[in-house]
């Protein structure tokens, strides 16, 4: 995931946890518009067509890395 910026990696992680744009914006203390811009760049860089696909890629990637996302959404 070297192609993502640090902030995009934060958003990517939270997408994999199933967080909404609003939830991500609150967590990262940015506007929803900023989150949407990050998501759009993530979709382009990962060459996926939807937020759902990016979330699935994130989930699978982080599971393969041994990082569990279940606690992220709850916390």
N, C-alpha and C. Protein backbone atom coordinates (compact mmCIF):
# COMPACT_ATOMS: atom_id res chain seq x y z
N UNK A 1 0.81 -1.20 0.00
CA UNK A 1 0.00 0.00 0.00
C UNK A 1 0.85 1.26 0.00
N UNK A 2 2.05 1.13 -0.51
CA UNK A 2 2.95 2.28 -0.57
C UNK A 2 2.42 3.40 -1.47
N UNK A 3 1.48 3.07 -2.35
CA UNK A 3 0.97 4.09 -3.25
C UNK A 3 0.00 5.05 -2.57
N UNK A 4 -0.45 4.74 -1.36
CA UNK A 4 -1.36 5.63 -0.63
C UNK A 4 -0.58 6.55 0.30
N UNK A 5 -1.09 7.79 0.43
CA UNK A 5 -0.49 8.72 1.39
C UNK A 5 -0.83 8.25 2.81
N UNK A 6 -0.21 8.85 3.78
CA UNK A 6 -0.48 8.48 5.18
C UNK A 6 -1.95 8.66 5.51
N UNK A 7 -2.53 9.79 5.12
CA UNK A 7 -3.93 10.06 5.42
C UNK A 7 -4.85 9.11 4.65
N UNK A 8 -4.49 8.81 3.41
CA UNK A 8 -5.28 7.86 2.64
C UNK A 8 -5.24 6.48 3.29
N UNK A 9 -4.10 6.12 3.86
CA UNK A 9 -4.00 4.84 4.58
C UNK A 9 -4.93 4.83 5.78
N UNK A 10 -5.04 5.97 6.48
CA UNK A 10 -5.97 6.07 7.62
C UNK A 10 -7.40 5.83 7.15
N UNK A 11 -7.77 6.49 6.06
CA UNK A 11 -9.12 6.34 5.51
C UNK A 11 -9.33 4.91 5.01
N UNK A 12 -8.34 4.35 4.34
CA UNK A 12 -8.39 2.98 3.82
C UNK A 12 -8.66 1.99 4.96
N UNK A 13 -7.95 2.16 6.07
CA UNK A 13 -8.12 1.31 7.26
C UNK A 13 -9.57 1.38 7.75
N UNK A 14 -10.09 2.60 7.85
CA UNK A 14 -11.45 2.78 8.37
C UNK A 14 -12.51 2.30 7.38
N UNK A 15 -12.23 2.38 6.09
CA UNK A 15 -13.15 1.80 5.09
C UNK A 15 -13.28 0.30 5.31
N UNK A 16 -12.16 -0.34 5.57
CA UNK A 16 -12.15 -1.78 5.81
C UNK A 16 -12.90 -2.17 7.06
N UNK A 17 -13.00 -1.24 8.00
CA UNK A 17 -13.73 -1.49 9.23
C UNK A 17 -15.22 -1.20 9.06
N UNK A 18 -15.61 -0.72 7.87
CA UNK A 18 -17.02 -0.46 7.60
C UNK A 18 -17.51 0.90 8.08
N UNK A 19 -16.61 1.81 8.35
CA UNK A 19 -16.99 3.14 8.83
C UNK A 19 -17.58 3.98 7.69
N UNK A 20 -18.56 4.80 8.03
CA UNK A 20 -19.16 5.72 7.07
C UNK A 20 -18.24 6.93 6.88
N UNK A 21 -18.51 7.70 5.83
CA UNK A 21 -17.73 8.92 5.62
C UNK A 21 -17.85 9.85 6.82
N UNK A 22 -19.04 9.95 7.36
CA UNK A 22 -19.25 10.82 8.52
C UNK A 22 -18.42 10.34 9.71
N UNK A 23 -18.47 9.05 9.97
CA UNK A 23 -17.71 8.48 11.07
C UNK A 23 -16.21 8.70 10.87
N UNK A 24 -15.74 8.52 9.65
CA UNK A 24 -14.33 8.74 9.35
C UNK A 24 -13.97 10.20 9.57
N UNK A 25 -14.85 11.10 9.14
CA UNK A 25 -14.56 12.53 9.29
C UNK A 25 -14.46 12.93 10.76
N UNK A 26 -15.32 12.38 11.60
CA UNK A 26 -15.27 12.67 13.03
C UNK A 26 -13.98 12.11 13.63
N UNK A 27 -13.67 10.88 13.30
CA UNK A 27 -12.47 10.22 13.83
C UNK A 27 -11.18 10.94 13.45
N UNK A 28 -11.12 11.38 12.19
CA UNK A 28 -9.89 12.02 11.69
C UNK A 28 -9.92 13.54 11.82
N UNK A 29 -11.04 14.06 12.31
CA UNK A 29 -11.21 15.50 12.52
C UNK A 29 -11.02 16.30 11.24
N UNK A 30 -11.70 15.83 10.19
CA UNK A 30 -11.71 16.52 8.90
C UNK A 30 -13.16 16.58 8.43
N UNK A 31 -13.43 17.33 7.36
CA UNK A 31 -14.79 17.41 6.84
C UNK A 31 -15.13 16.16 6.04
N UNK A 32 -16.42 15.92 5.87
CA UNK A 32 -16.85 14.80 5.04
C UNK A 32 -16.38 14.99 3.60
N UNK A 33 -16.33 16.23 3.16
CA UNK A 33 -15.85 16.52 1.81
C UNK A 33 -14.40 16.06 1.65
N UNK A 34 -13.59 16.28 2.67
CA UNK A 34 -12.20 15.83 2.63
C UNK A 34 -12.13 14.31 2.58
N UNK A 35 -12.97 13.65 3.37
CA UNK A 35 -13.00 12.18 3.36
C UNK A 35 -13.38 11.68 1.97
N UNK A 36 -14.40 12.30 1.37
CA UNK A 36 -14.82 11.90 0.02
C UNK A 36 -13.69 12.06 -0.99
N UNK A 37 -12.91 13.12 -0.84
CA UNK A 37 -11.77 13.34 -1.74
C UNK A 37 -10.72 12.24 -1.55
N UNK A 38 -10.46 11.88 -0.29
CA UNK A 38 -9.51 10.79 -0.02
C UNK A 38 -10.02 9.48 -0.61
N UNK A 39 -11.31 9.20 -0.42
CA UNK A 39 -11.89 7.97 -0.95
C UNK A 39 -11.76 7.94 -2.48
N UNK A 40 -12.04 9.06 -3.13
CA UNK A 40 -11.93 9.12 -4.59
C UNK A 40 -10.51 8.82 -5.05
N UNK A 41 -9.52 9.36 -4.34
CA UNK A 41 -8.12 9.10 -4.70
C UNK A 41 -7.76 7.64 -4.45
N UNK A 42 -8.29 7.07 -3.37
CA UNK A 42 -8.04 5.65 -3.06
C UNK A 42 -8.61 4.78 -4.18
N UNK A 43 -9.83 5.07 -4.62
CA UNK A 43 -10.45 4.29 -5.70
C UNK A 43 -9.59 4.33 -6.95
N UNK A 44 -9.10 5.51 -7.28
CA UNK A 44 -8.26 5.67 -8.47
C UNK A 44 -6.96 4.89 -8.33
N UNK A 45 -6.29 5.06 -7.21
CA UNK A 45 -5.00 4.41 -7.00
C UNK A 45 -5.10 2.89 -6.94
N UNK A 46 -6.19 2.38 -6.38
CA UNK A 46 -6.37 0.94 -6.27
C UNK A 46 -7.04 0.34 -7.51
N UNK A 47 -7.48 1.22 -8.40
CA UNK A 47 -8.17 0.80 -9.63
C UNK A 47 -9.40 -0.04 -9.32
N UNK A 48 -10.19 0.44 -8.37
CA UNK A 48 -11.47 -0.19 -8.06
C UNK A 48 -12.58 0.80 -8.38
N UNK A 49 -13.79 0.29 -8.51
CA UNK A 49 -14.90 1.11 -8.99
C UNK A 49 -15.80 1.67 -7.89
N UNK A 50 -15.72 1.11 -6.70
CA UNK A 50 -16.65 1.57 -5.67
C UNK A 50 -16.00 1.59 -4.29
N UNK A 51 -16.66 2.32 -3.42
CA UNK A 51 -16.25 2.39 -2.02
C UNK A 51 -16.30 1.01 -1.38
N UNK A 52 -17.31 0.24 -1.75
CA UNK A 52 -17.46 -1.12 -1.23
C UNK A 52 -16.26 -1.98 -1.63
N UNK A 53 -15.86 -1.90 -2.89
CA UNK A 53 -14.69 -2.67 -3.33
C UNK A 53 -13.44 -2.25 -2.57
N UNK A 54 -13.26 -0.95 -2.37
CA UNK A 54 -12.09 -0.47 -1.61
C UNK A 54 -12.14 -0.98 -0.18
N UNK A 55 -13.33 -0.99 0.41
CA UNK A 55 -13.49 -1.51 1.77
C UNK A 55 -13.14 -2.99 1.87
N UNK A 56 -13.55 -3.75 0.86
CA UNK A 56 -13.23 -5.19 0.84
C UNK A 56 -11.73 -5.42 0.67
N UNK A 57 -11.11 -4.64 -0.22
CA UNK A 57 -9.66 -4.74 -0.40
C UNK A 57 -8.96 -4.42 0.91
N UNK A 58 -9.41 -3.38 1.59
CA UNK A 58 -8.83 -2.99 2.87
C UNK A 58 -8.98 -4.11 3.90
N UNK A 59 -10.18 -4.65 3.99
CA UNK A 59 -10.44 -5.70 4.97
C UNK A 59 -9.52 -6.90 4.73
N UNK A 60 -9.46 -7.35 3.48
CA UNK A 60 -8.62 -8.51 3.13
C UNK A 60 -7.15 -8.20 3.37
N UNK A 61 -6.71 -7.02 2.95
CA UNK A 61 -5.31 -6.62 3.13
C UNK A 61 -4.92 -6.63 4.61
N UNK A 62 -5.76 -6.01 5.43
CA UNK A 62 -5.42 -5.92 6.85
C UNK A 62 -5.53 -7.27 7.56
N UNK A 63 -6.46 -8.12 7.15
CA UNK A 63 -6.54 -9.46 7.72
C UNK A 63 -5.27 -10.25 7.37
N UNK A 64 -4.81 -10.12 6.13
CA UNK A 64 -3.59 -10.81 5.70
C UNK A 64 -2.36 -10.32 6.47
N UNK A 65 -2.41 -9.06 6.91
CA UNK A 65 -1.31 -8.48 7.67
C UNK A 65 -1.42 -8.81 9.16
N UNK A 66 -2.50 -9.49 9.54
CA UNK A 66 -2.70 -9.85 10.95
C UNK A 66 -3.28 -8.72 11.78
N UNK A 67 -3.84 -7.72 11.11
CA UNK A 67 -4.45 -6.58 11.82
C UNK A 67 -5.96 -6.77 11.79
N UNK A 68 -6.56 -6.76 12.94
CA UNK A 68 -7.99 -7.01 13.03
C UNK A 68 -8.76 -5.70 13.08
N UNK A 69 -9.77 -5.59 12.23
CA UNK A 69 -10.52 -4.36 12.08
C UNK A 69 -11.78 -4.31 12.92
N UNK A 70 -12.19 -5.41 13.51
CA UNK A 70 -13.46 -5.47 14.23
C UNK A 70 -13.54 -4.43 15.35
N UNK A 71 -12.47 -4.23 16.06
CA UNK A 71 -12.48 -3.30 17.19
C UNK A 71 -12.48 -1.84 16.75
N UNK A 72 -12.10 -1.57 15.52
CA UNK A 72 -11.99 -0.19 15.05
C UNK A 72 -13.34 0.50 15.03
N UNK A 73 -14.34 -0.13 14.43
CA UNK A 73 -15.66 0.49 14.30
C UNK A 73 -16.29 0.70 15.67
N UNK A 74 -16.16 -0.26 16.54
CA UNK A 74 -16.76 -0.15 17.86
C UNK A 74 -16.10 0.95 18.68
N UNK A 75 -14.80 1.12 18.50
CA UNK A 75 -14.05 2.09 19.30
C UNK A 75 -14.15 3.42 18.72
